[in-house]
Amino acid sequence: MKVSVVGGTQAAAIYGQSVIEEEFSCNYGLNPEYQARLAAAGLSLTGFDERGEVRMIELRDRRFYLGTLFLPQLVSTKLAPHPVVAAFVRATAAFAESRRLPSLA
């Protein structure tokens, strides 16, 4: 399924393009009746399918908070990690490094 990624978002930085293709195998989605309320409360709607349905969300005030309705871990491998998985690993490594205590030596 083609997903349009909103510019200026974490998802856009991760993918480096405005349209991506992902595989979906679920029947769930964000209820359109709640989209405006969720966006007003701080949830960024950052990826939309061809019908305009939300497929990616973010919380911009968090180090890494990206939700998808596709499963990037299913197509990610050690030799070819999915961009979202790779970005998550980089974010966790950066956080761990920021928490590391200075050496006493």
N, C-alpha and C. Protein backbone atom coordinates (compact mmCIF):
# COMPACT_ATOMS: atom_id res chain seq x y z
N MET A 1 0.85 -1.18 0.00
CA MET A 1 0.00 0.00 0.00
C MET A 1 0.89 1.24 0.00
N LYS A 2 0.53 2.21 -0.79
CA LYS A 2 1.27 3.47 -0.81
C LYS A 2 0.82 4.33 0.37
N VAL A 3 1.81 4.96 1.01
CA VAL A 3 1.55 5.84 2.15
C VAL A 3 2.24 7.17 1.86
N SER A 4 1.48 8.25 1.96
CA SER A 4 2.04 9.60 1.82
C SER A 4 2.50 10.06 3.20
N VAL A 5 3.75 10.48 3.27
CA VAL A 5 4.36 10.89 4.53
C VAL A 5 4.37 12.42 4.60
N VAL A 6 3.90 12.97 5.70
CA VAL A 6 3.85 14.41 5.89
C VAL A 6 5.27 14.95 6.06
N GLY A 7 5.59 16.00 5.31
CA GLY A 7 6.91 16.62 5.40
C GLY A 7 7.18 17.24 6.77
N GLY A 8 8.45 17.29 7.14
CA GLY A 8 8.84 17.90 8.40
C GLY A 8 8.60 17.03 9.62
N THR A 9 8.28 15.78 9.41
CA THR A 9 8.00 14.86 10.52
C THR A 9 9.17 13.90 10.71
N GLN A 10 9.15 13.19 11.82
CA GLN A 10 10.16 12.17 12.06
C GLN A 10 10.09 11.09 10.98
N ALA A 11 8.89 10.72 10.59
CA ALA A 11 8.72 9.72 9.54
C ALA A 11 9.36 10.20 8.24
N ALA A 12 9.18 11.45 7.89
CA ALA A 12 9.78 11.99 6.67
C ALA A 12 11.30 11.95 6.75
N ALA A 13 11.85 12.26 7.92
CA ALA A 13 13.30 12.20 8.09
C ALA A 13 13.80 10.76 8.00
N ILE A 14 13.05 9.83 8.54
CA ILE A 14 13.45 8.42 8.52
C ILE A 14 13.45 7.88 7.10
N TYR A 15 12.40 8.15 6.35
CA TYR A 15 12.27 7.59 5.01
C TYR A 15 12.98 8.42 3.93
N GLY A 16 13.06 9.72 4.13
CA GLY A 16 13.71 10.57 3.13
C GLY A 16 12.93 10.70 1.84
N GLN A 17 11.65 10.40 1.89
CA GLN A 17 10.80 10.55 0.69
C GLN A 17 9.37 10.77 1.14
N SER A 18 8.56 11.30 0.23
CA SER A 18 7.20 11.67 0.59
C SER A 18 6.18 10.56 0.37
N VAL A 19 6.51 9.56 -0.43
CA VAL A 19 5.61 8.44 -0.65
C VAL A 19 6.42 7.15 -0.46
N ILE A 20 5.87 6.26 0.37
CA ILE A 20 6.53 4.99 0.65
C ILE A 20 5.56 3.86 0.33
N GLU A 21 6.06 2.65 0.29
CA GLU A 21 5.19 1.49 0.12
C GLU A 21 5.43 0.53 1.26
N GLU A 22 4.34 0.14 1.91
CA GLU A 22 4.41 -0.79 3.03
C GLU A 22 3.32 -1.84 2.87
N GLU A 23 3.54 -2.97 3.49
CA GLU A 23 2.58 -4.06 3.43
C GLU A 23 1.72 -4.04 4.69
N PHE A 24 0.43 -4.13 4.50
CA PHE A 24 -0.52 -4.15 5.61
C PHE A 24 -1.22 -5.49 5.66
N SER A 25 -1.45 -5.97 6.85
CA SER A 25 -2.19 -7.22 6.99
C SER A 25 -3.15 -7.14 8.18
N CYS A 26 -3.70 -5.94 8.37
CA CYS A 26 -4.66 -5.79 9.47
C CYS A 26 -5.89 -5.03 8.97
N ASN A 27 -6.93 -5.10 9.76
CA ASN A 27 -8.17 -4.40 9.41
C ASN A 27 -8.45 -3.26 10.39
N TYR A 28 -7.43 -2.83 11.09
CA TYR A 28 -7.63 -1.79 12.10
C TYR A 28 -7.22 -0.44 11.54
N GLY A 29 -7.71 0.60 12.18
CA GLY A 29 -7.35 1.94 11.77
C GLY A 29 -7.82 2.93 12.81
N LEU A 30 -7.44 4.17 12.59
CA LEU A 30 -7.84 5.25 13.49
C LEU A 30 -9.23 5.73 13.09
N ASN A 31 -10.14 5.74 14.03
CA ASN A 31 -11.50 6.18 13.77
C ASN A 31 -11.48 7.63 13.31
N PRO A 32 -11.96 7.92 12.11
CA PRO A 32 -11.93 9.29 11.58
C PRO A 32 -12.66 10.29 12.48
N GLU A 33 -13.63 9.82 13.25
CA GLU A 33 -14.36 10.73 14.14
C GLU A 33 -13.48 11.31 15.24
N TYR A 34 -12.36 10.66 15.53
CA TYR A 34 -11.49 11.12 16.62
C TYR A 34 -10.22 11.80 16.12
N GLN A 35 -9.99 11.84 14.83
CA GLN A 35 -8.74 12.39 14.31
C GLN A 35 -8.49 13.83 14.72
N ALA A 36 -9.47 14.68 14.55
CA ALA A 36 -9.27 16.10 14.89
C ALA A 36 -9.01 16.28 16.39
N ARG A 37 -9.71 15.54 17.21
CA ARG A 37 -9.52 15.65 18.66
C ARG A 37 -8.14 15.16 19.07
N LEU A 38 -7.71 14.04 18.48
CA LEU A 38 -6.39 13.51 18.81
C LEU A 38 -5.29 14.46 18.33
N ALA A 39 -5.45 15.02 17.14
CA ALA A 39 -4.47 15.97 16.62
C ALA A 39 -4.41 17.22 17.51
N ALA A 40 -5.56 17.70 17.95
CA ALA A 40 -5.59 18.87 18.82
C ALA A 40 -4.93 18.60 20.17
N ALA A 41 -4.94 17.34 20.59
CA ALA A 41 -4.32 16.96 21.87
C ALA A 41 -2.83 16.66 21.72
N GLY A 42 -2.28 16.76 20.51
CA GLY A 42 -0.84 16.60 20.33
C GLY A 42 -0.40 15.39 19.54
N LEU A 43 -1.31 14.56 19.09
CA LEU A 43 -0.93 13.41 18.28
C LEU A 43 -0.78 13.87 16.83
N SER A 44 0.41 13.69 16.28
CA SER A 44 0.64 14.09 14.89
C SER A 44 0.26 12.95 13.96
N LEU A 45 -0.58 13.25 13.01
CA LEU A 45 -1.00 12.28 12.00
C LEU A 45 -0.03 12.45 10.84
N THR A 46 0.87 11.49 10.64
CA THR A 46 2.01 11.72 9.76
C THR A 46 2.09 10.85 8.51
N GLY A 47 1.19 9.89 8.36
CA GLY A 47 1.18 9.06 7.17
C GLY A 47 -0.23 8.66 6.80
N PHE A 48 -0.57 8.80 5.52
CA PHE A 48 -1.93 8.54 5.05
C PHE A 48 -1.90 7.64 3.82
N ASP A 49 -2.84 6.70 3.76
CA ASP A 49 -2.92 5.84 2.59
C ASP A 49 -3.63 6.57 1.46
N GLU A 50 -3.84 5.89 0.37
CA GLU A 50 -4.44 6.51 -0.82
C GLU A 50 -5.89 6.93 -0.62
N ARG A 51 -6.55 6.37 0.39
CA ARG A 51 -7.93 6.76 0.71
C ARG A 51 -7.98 7.87 1.76
N GLY A 52 -6.81 8.32 2.22
CA GLY A 52 -6.75 9.38 3.22
C GLY A 52 -6.83 8.87 4.65
N GLU A 53 -6.75 7.55 4.83
CA GLU A 53 -6.80 6.99 6.18
C GLU A 53 -5.42 7.07 6.83
N VAL A 54 -5.42 7.34 8.12
CA VAL A 54 -4.17 7.47 8.88
C VAL A 54 -3.48 6.12 8.98
N ARG A 55 -2.18 6.11 8.67
CA ARG A 55 -1.38 4.89 8.75
C ARG A 55 -0.14 5.06 9.63
N MET A 56 0.20 6.31 9.96
CA MET A 56 1.34 6.58 10.84
C MET A 56 1.00 7.76 11.75
N ILE A 57 1.48 7.65 12.98
CA ILE A 57 1.28 8.74 13.96
C ILE A 57 2.59 8.97 14.70
N GLU A 58 2.70 10.16 15.30
CA GLU A 58 3.88 10.50 16.10
C GLU A 58 3.47 11.38 17.27
N LEU A 59 4.28 11.34 18.30
CA LEU A 59 4.25 12.34 19.36
C LEU A 59 5.57 13.09 19.24
N ARG A 60 5.49 14.33 18.82
CA ARG A 60 6.71 15.09 18.50
C ARG A 60 7.50 15.51 19.72
N ASP A 61 6.88 15.52 20.88
CA ASP A 61 7.61 15.95 22.08
C ASP A 61 8.33 14.79 22.77
N ARG A 62 8.44 13.67 22.11
CA ARG A 62 9.14 12.50 22.64
C ARG A 62 10.39 12.24 21.80
N ARG A 63 11.37 11.58 22.40
CA ARG A 63 12.60 11.26 21.65
C ARG A 63 12.29 10.42 20.42
N PHE A 64 11.49 9.39 20.62
CA PHE A 64 11.12 8.53 19.51
C PHE A 64 9.76 7.93 19.83
N TYR A 65 8.75 8.41 19.15
CA TYR A 65 7.41 7.86 19.31
C TYR A 65 6.77 7.88 17.94
N LEU A 66 6.82 6.74 17.29
CA LEU A 66 6.28 6.60 15.95
C LEU A 66 5.45 5.34 15.92
N GLY A 67 4.18 5.48 15.59
CA GLY A 67 3.29 4.33 15.50
C GLY A 67 2.89 4.09 14.06
N THR A 68 2.81 2.83 13.68
CA THR A 68 2.41 2.48 12.32
C THR A 68 1.32 1.41 12.36
N LEU A 69 0.57 1.32 11.30
CA LEU A 69 -0.38 0.23 11.15
C LEU A 69 0.19 -0.86 10.26
N PHE A 70 1.45 -0.75 9.94
CA PHE A 70 2.16 -1.83 9.27
C PHE A 70 3.21 -2.34 10.25
N LEU A 71 3.82 -3.46 9.92
CA LEU A 71 4.75 -4.11 10.86
C LEU A 71 6.16 -4.12 10.28
N PRO A 72 6.93 -3.06 10.50
CA PRO A 72 8.27 -2.98 9.91
C PRO A 72 9.19 -4.11 10.37
N GLN A 73 8.98 -4.63 11.56
CA GLN A 73 9.86 -5.69 12.06
C GLN A 73 9.72 -6.98 11.27
N LEU A 74 8.61 -7.17 10.57
CA LEU A 74 8.42 -8.40 9.82
C LEU A 74 9.25 -8.47 8.55
N VAL A 75 9.63 -7.33 8.01
CA VAL A 75 10.44 -7.32 6.79
C VAL A 75 11.87 -6.88 7.06
N SER A 76 12.19 -6.60 8.31
CA SER A 76 13.52 -6.15 8.68
C SER A 76 14.44 -7.34 8.91
N THR A 77 15.65 -7.26 8.39
CA THR A 77 16.65 -8.29 8.64
C THR A 77 17.93 -7.63 9.13
N LYS A 78 18.82 -8.44 9.62
CA LYS A 78 20.10 -7.93 10.10
C LYS A 78 20.87 -7.23 8.98
N LEU A 79 20.82 -7.79 7.79
CA LEU A 79 21.54 -7.21 6.67
C LEU A 79 20.79 -6.07 5.98
N ALA A 80 19.48 -6.05 6.13
CA ALA A 80 18.65 -5.01 5.51
C ALA A 80 17.57 -4.57 6.49
N PRO A 81 17.96 -3.80 7.51
CA PRO A 81 16.96 -3.38 8.49
C PRO A 81 15.95 -2.40 7.88
N HIS A 82 14.71 -2.53 8.30
CA HIS A 82 13.67 -1.59 7.87
C HIS A 82 14.05 -0.20 8.40
N PRO A 83 13.78 0.87 7.65
CA PRO A 83 14.14 2.22 8.10
C PRO A 83 13.60 2.59 9.49
N VAL A 84 12.39 2.17 9.81
CA VAL A 84 11.82 2.49 11.13
C VAL A 84 12.55 1.73 12.23
N VAL A 85 12.87 0.48 11.99
CA VAL A 85 13.61 -0.32 12.97
C VAL A 85 15.00 0.28 13.19
N ALA A 86 15.68 0.62 12.10
CA ALA A 86 17.02 1.21 12.20
C ALA A 86 16.97 2.54 12.96
N ALA A 87 15.97 3.35 12.70
CA ALA A 87 15.83 4.63 13.40
C ALA A 87 15.58 4.42 14.89
N PHE A 88 14.78 3.43 15.23
CA PHE A 88 14.52 3.12 16.63
C PHE A 88 15.80 2.68 17.34
N VAL A 89 16.58 1.83 16.70
CA VAL A 89 17.83 1.37 17.29
C VAL A 89 18.79 2.56 17.48
N ARG A 90 18.90 3.43 16.49
CA ARG A 90 19.75 4.62 16.62
C ARG A 90 19.29 5.50 17.78
N ALA A 91 17.97 5.68 17.90
CA ALA A 91 17.42 6.52 18.98
C ALA A 91 17.72 5.91 20.35
N THR A 92 17.61 4.60 20.49
CA THR A 92 17.89 3.98 21.78
C THR A 92 19.38 4.05 22.10
N ALA A 93 20.23 3.89 21.10
CA ALA A 93 21.68 3.99 21.32
C ALA A 93 22.06 5.42 21.74
N ALA A 94 21.47 6.41 21.08
CA ALA A 94 21.75 7.80 21.44
C ALA A 94 21.29 8.09 22.86
N PHE A 95 20.14 7.57 23.24
CA PHE A 95 19.64 7.79 24.60
C PHE A 95 20.56 7.11 25.62
N ALA A 96 20.97 5.88 25.33
CA ALA A 96 21.87 5.17 26.24
C ALA A 96 23.18 5.94 26.40
N GLU A 97 23.69 6.47 25.30
CA GLU A 97 24.94 7.24 25.35
C GLU A 97 24.76 8.51 26.18
N SER A 98 23.62 9.15 26.08
CA SER A 98 23.38 10.38 26.84
C SER A 98 23.26 10.10 28.34
N ARG A 99 22.95 8.88 28.71
CA ARG A 99 22.81 8.50 30.11
C ARG A 99 24.08 7.93 30.71
N ARG A 100 25.08 7.70 29.87
CA ARG A 100 26.33 7.10 30.33
C ARG A 100 27.06 8.06 31.26
N LEU A 101 27.51 7.54 32.37
CA LEU A 101 28.26 8.36 33.33
C LEU A 101 29.68 8.59 32.84
N PRO A 102 30.23 9.76 33.14
CA PRO A 102 31.62 10.00 32.71
C PRO A 102 32.57 9.03 33.42
N SER A 103 33.64 8.70 32.73
CA SER A 103 34.63 7.79 33.29
C SER A 103 35.40 8.48 34.40
N LEU A 104 35.74 7.74 35.43
CA LEU A 104 36.53 8.28 36.54
C LEU A 104 38.02 8.11 36.31
N ALA A 105 38.38 7.43 35.26
CA ALA A 105 39.82 7.17 34.99
C ALA A 105 40.49 8.37 34.39
